[in-house]
Amino acid sequence: MIVNRTILGDESGQGAAEYLLLFGGVIVISIMALLMYKEYFKKGVPFNAGDDLNTVRACTKSG
């Protein structure tokens, strides 16, 4: 019974594991975003983030 209580009461590494999961999730989301927007970073591609931003702003102003 003493062994069970010490195992259940030991939470010393829980905070580190939670931070590891949090940072892992952030890294996965960042990699997914880079893969989705990789065309913006290639040279010679007609995509222009500035033009896209202006288009979005014009659409939101018009209603």
N, C-alpha and C. Protein backbone atom coordinates (compact mmCIF):
# COMPACT_ATOMS: atom_id res chain seq x y z
N MET A 1 0.81 -1.20 0.00
CA MET A 1 0.00 0.00 0.00
C MET A 1 0.85 1.26 0.00
N ILE A 2 2.00 1.21 0.64
CA ILE A 2 2.86 2.39 0.69
C ILE A 2 3.38 2.73 -0.71
N VAL A 3 3.68 1.72 -1.49
CA VAL A 3 4.18 1.94 -2.85
C VAL A 3 3.12 2.62 -3.70
N ASN A 4 1.89 2.19 -3.61
CA ASN A 4 0.81 2.78 -4.40
C ASN A 4 0.61 4.25 -4.04
N ARG A 5 0.70 4.60 -2.80
CA ARG A 5 0.50 5.99 -2.39
C ARG A 5 1.62 6.89 -2.90
N THR A 6 2.83 6.39 -2.90
CA THR A 6 3.94 7.23 -3.38
C THR A 6 3.88 7.41 -4.89
N ILE A 7 3.45 6.40 -5.61
CA ILE A 7 3.35 6.52 -7.06
C ILE A 7 2.23 7.48 -7.43
N LEU A 8 1.09 7.36 -6.79
CA LEU A 8 -0.04 8.24 -7.09
C LEU A 8 0.21 9.67 -6.64
N GLY A 9 0.98 9.87 -5.61
CA GLY A 9 1.24 11.21 -5.10
C GLY A 9 2.39 11.92 -5.79
N ASP A 10 3.14 11.22 -6.60
CA ASP A 10 4.31 11.81 -7.26
C ASP A 10 3.88 12.54 -8.53
N GLU A 11 3.90 13.86 -8.49
CA GLU A 11 3.54 14.68 -9.65
C GLU A 11 4.66 15.66 -10.00
N SER A 12 5.88 15.32 -9.66
CA SER A 12 6.99 16.25 -9.84
C SER A 12 7.32 16.51 -11.30
N GLY A 13 7.12 15.56 -12.18
CA GLY A 13 7.45 15.75 -13.59
C GLY A 13 6.27 16.13 -14.45
N GLN A 14 5.12 16.34 -13.84
CA GLN A 14 3.92 16.62 -14.62
C GLN A 14 4.00 17.97 -15.32
N GLY A 15 4.51 18.99 -14.66
CA GLY A 15 4.61 20.31 -15.27
C GLY A 15 5.51 20.32 -16.48
N ALA A 16 6.63 19.63 -16.39
CA ALA A 16 7.56 19.56 -17.52
C ALA A 16 6.92 18.83 -18.70
N ALA A 17 6.19 17.79 -18.42
CA ALA A 17 5.52 17.04 -19.49
C ALA A 17 4.45 17.90 -20.16
N GLU A 18 3.74 18.70 -19.38
CA GLU A 18 2.72 19.57 -19.96
C GLU A 18 3.35 20.64 -20.85
N TYR A 19 4.46 21.21 -20.41
CA TYR A 19 5.16 22.20 -21.25
C TYR A 19 5.69 21.55 -22.53
N LEU A 20 6.17 20.34 -22.43
CA LEU A 20 6.66 19.63 -23.60
C LEU A 20 5.53 19.40 -24.61
N LEU A 21 4.37 19.01 -24.13
CA LEU A 21 3.22 18.84 -25.02
C LEU A 21 2.78 20.16 -25.64
N LEU A 22 2.81 21.22 -24.86
CA LEU A 22 2.41 22.54 -25.36
C LEU A 22 3.36 23.01 -26.46
N PHE A 23 4.65 22.94 -26.21
CA PHE A 23 5.63 23.36 -27.22
C PHE A 23 5.60 22.45 -28.44
N GLY A 24 5.36 21.18 -28.24
CA GLY A 24 5.23 20.27 -29.37
C GLY A 24 4.05 20.64 -30.26
N GLY A 25 2.93 21.01 -29.64
CA GLY A 25 1.77 21.45 -30.41
C GLY A 25 2.03 22.72 -31.18
N VAL A 26 2.75 23.66 -30.56
CA VAL A 26 3.09 24.91 -31.25
C VAL A 26 3.99 24.63 -32.44
N ILE A 27 4.94 23.74 -32.28
CA ILE A 27 5.85 23.40 -33.37
C ILE A 27 5.08 22.74 -34.52
N VAL A 28 4.18 21.84 -34.20
CA VAL A 28 3.39 21.16 -35.25
C VAL A 28 2.54 22.17 -36.01
N ILE A 29 1.89 23.08 -35.31
CA ILE A 29 1.06 24.10 -35.97
C ILE A 29 1.92 25.01 -36.83
N SER A 30 3.11 25.36 -36.35
CA SER A 30 4.01 26.21 -37.14
C SER A 30 4.45 25.52 -38.42
N ILE A 31 4.79 24.26 -38.34
CA ILE A 31 5.20 23.52 -39.53
C ILE A 31 4.04 23.40 -40.51
N MET A 32 2.84 23.17 -40.01
CA MET A 32 1.67 23.09 -40.90
C MET A 32 1.44 24.42 -41.60
N ALA A 33 1.59 25.53 -40.88
CA ALA A 33 1.39 26.84 -41.50
C ALA A 33 2.46 27.11 -42.56
N LEU A 34 3.69 26.74 -42.28
CA LEU A 34 4.75 26.92 -43.28
C LEU A 34 4.50 26.09 -44.53
N LEU A 35 4.01 24.88 -44.35
CA LEU A 35 3.71 24.04 -45.51
C LEU A 35 2.55 24.60 -46.32
N MET A 36 1.58 25.20 -45.65
CA MET A 36 0.43 25.76 -46.36
C MET A 36 0.81 27.01 -47.14
N TYR A 37 1.71 27.82 -46.59
CA TYR A 37 2.06 29.10 -47.20
C TYR A 37 3.43 29.09 -47.86
N LYS A 38 3.95 27.93 -48.20
CA LYS A 38 5.29 27.86 -48.77
C LYS A 38 5.38 28.52 -50.14
N GLU A 39 4.28 28.63 -50.86
CA GLU A 39 4.29 29.27 -52.18
C GLU A 39 4.65 30.75 -52.07
N TYR A 40 4.32 31.39 -50.97
CA TYR A 40 4.65 32.80 -50.79
C TYR A 40 6.15 33.03 -50.66
N PHE A 41 6.88 32.00 -50.26
CA PHE A 41 8.31 32.15 -50.02
C PHE A 41 9.17 31.77 -51.22
N LYS A 42 8.57 31.23 -52.26
CA LYS A 42 9.33 30.85 -53.46
C LYS A 42 9.52 32.06 -54.35
N LYS A 43 10.68 32.13 -54.99
CA LYS A 43 10.94 33.22 -55.93
C LYS A 43 10.32 32.89 -57.28
N GLY A 44 9.86 33.93 -57.97
CA GLY A 44 9.29 33.75 -59.29
C GLY A 44 7.83 33.33 -59.29
N VAL A 45 7.22 33.29 -58.13
CA VAL A 45 5.81 32.93 -58.04
C VAL A 45 5.00 34.21 -57.99
N PRO A 46 3.91 34.30 -58.75
CA PRO A 46 3.17 35.57 -58.83
C PRO A 46 2.37 35.93 -57.58
N PHE A 47 2.45 35.13 -56.53
CA PHE A 47 1.72 35.45 -55.31
C PHE A 47 2.40 36.61 -54.60
N ASN A 48 1.60 37.53 -54.12
CA ASN A 48 2.14 38.68 -53.40
C ASN A 48 1.27 38.90 -52.16
N ALA A 49 1.87 38.76 -51.01
CA ALA A 49 1.12 38.90 -49.76
C ALA A 49 0.55 40.30 -49.61
N GLY A 50 1.26 41.31 -50.08
CA GLY A 50 0.76 42.69 -49.98
C GLY A 50 -0.50 42.89 -50.80
N ASP A 51 -0.52 42.35 -52.01
CA ASP A 51 -1.72 42.44 -52.85
C ASP A 51 -2.89 41.68 -52.23
N ASP A 52 -2.60 40.53 -51.68
CA ASP A 52 -3.65 39.75 -51.03
C ASP A 52 -4.22 40.49 -49.83
N LEU A 53 -3.36 41.13 -49.07
CA LEU A 53 -3.81 41.89 -47.91
C LEU A 53 -4.69 43.06 -48.32
N ASN A 54 -4.31 43.74 -49.38
CA ASN A 54 -5.13 44.85 -49.87
C ASN A 54 -6.48 44.36 -50.38
N THR A 55 -6.51 43.21 -51.01
CA THR A 55 -7.78 42.63 -51.48
C THR A 55 -8.69 42.31 -50.31
N VAL A 56 -8.13 41.73 -49.26
CA VAL A 56 -8.93 41.40 -48.08
C VAL A 56 -9.45 42.67 -47.42
N ARG A 57 -8.62 43.68 -47.31
CA ARG A 57 -9.07 44.95 -46.72
C ARG A 57 -10.19 45.58 -47.54
N ALA A 58 -10.07 45.54 -48.86
CA ALA A 58 -11.10 46.12 -49.73
C ALA A 58 -12.41 45.35 -49.58
N CYS A 59 -12.33 44.04 -49.45
CA CYS A 59 -13.55 43.24 -49.30
C CYS A 59 -14.23 43.49 -47.96
N THR A 60 -13.45 43.69 -46.91
CA THR A 60 -14.05 43.93 -45.61
C THR A 60 -14.65 45.33 -45.51
N LYS A 61 -14.09 46.29 -46.21
CA LYS A 61 -14.64 47.64 -46.18
C LYS A 61 -15.93 47.73 -46.98
N SER A 62 -16.04 46.94 -48.05
CA SER A 62 -17.21 47.04 -48.91
C SER A 62 -18.43 46.31 -48.33
N GLY A 63 -18.21 45.51 -47.34
CA GLY A 63 -19.37 44.95 -46.69
C GLY A 63 -19.42 43.50 -46.67
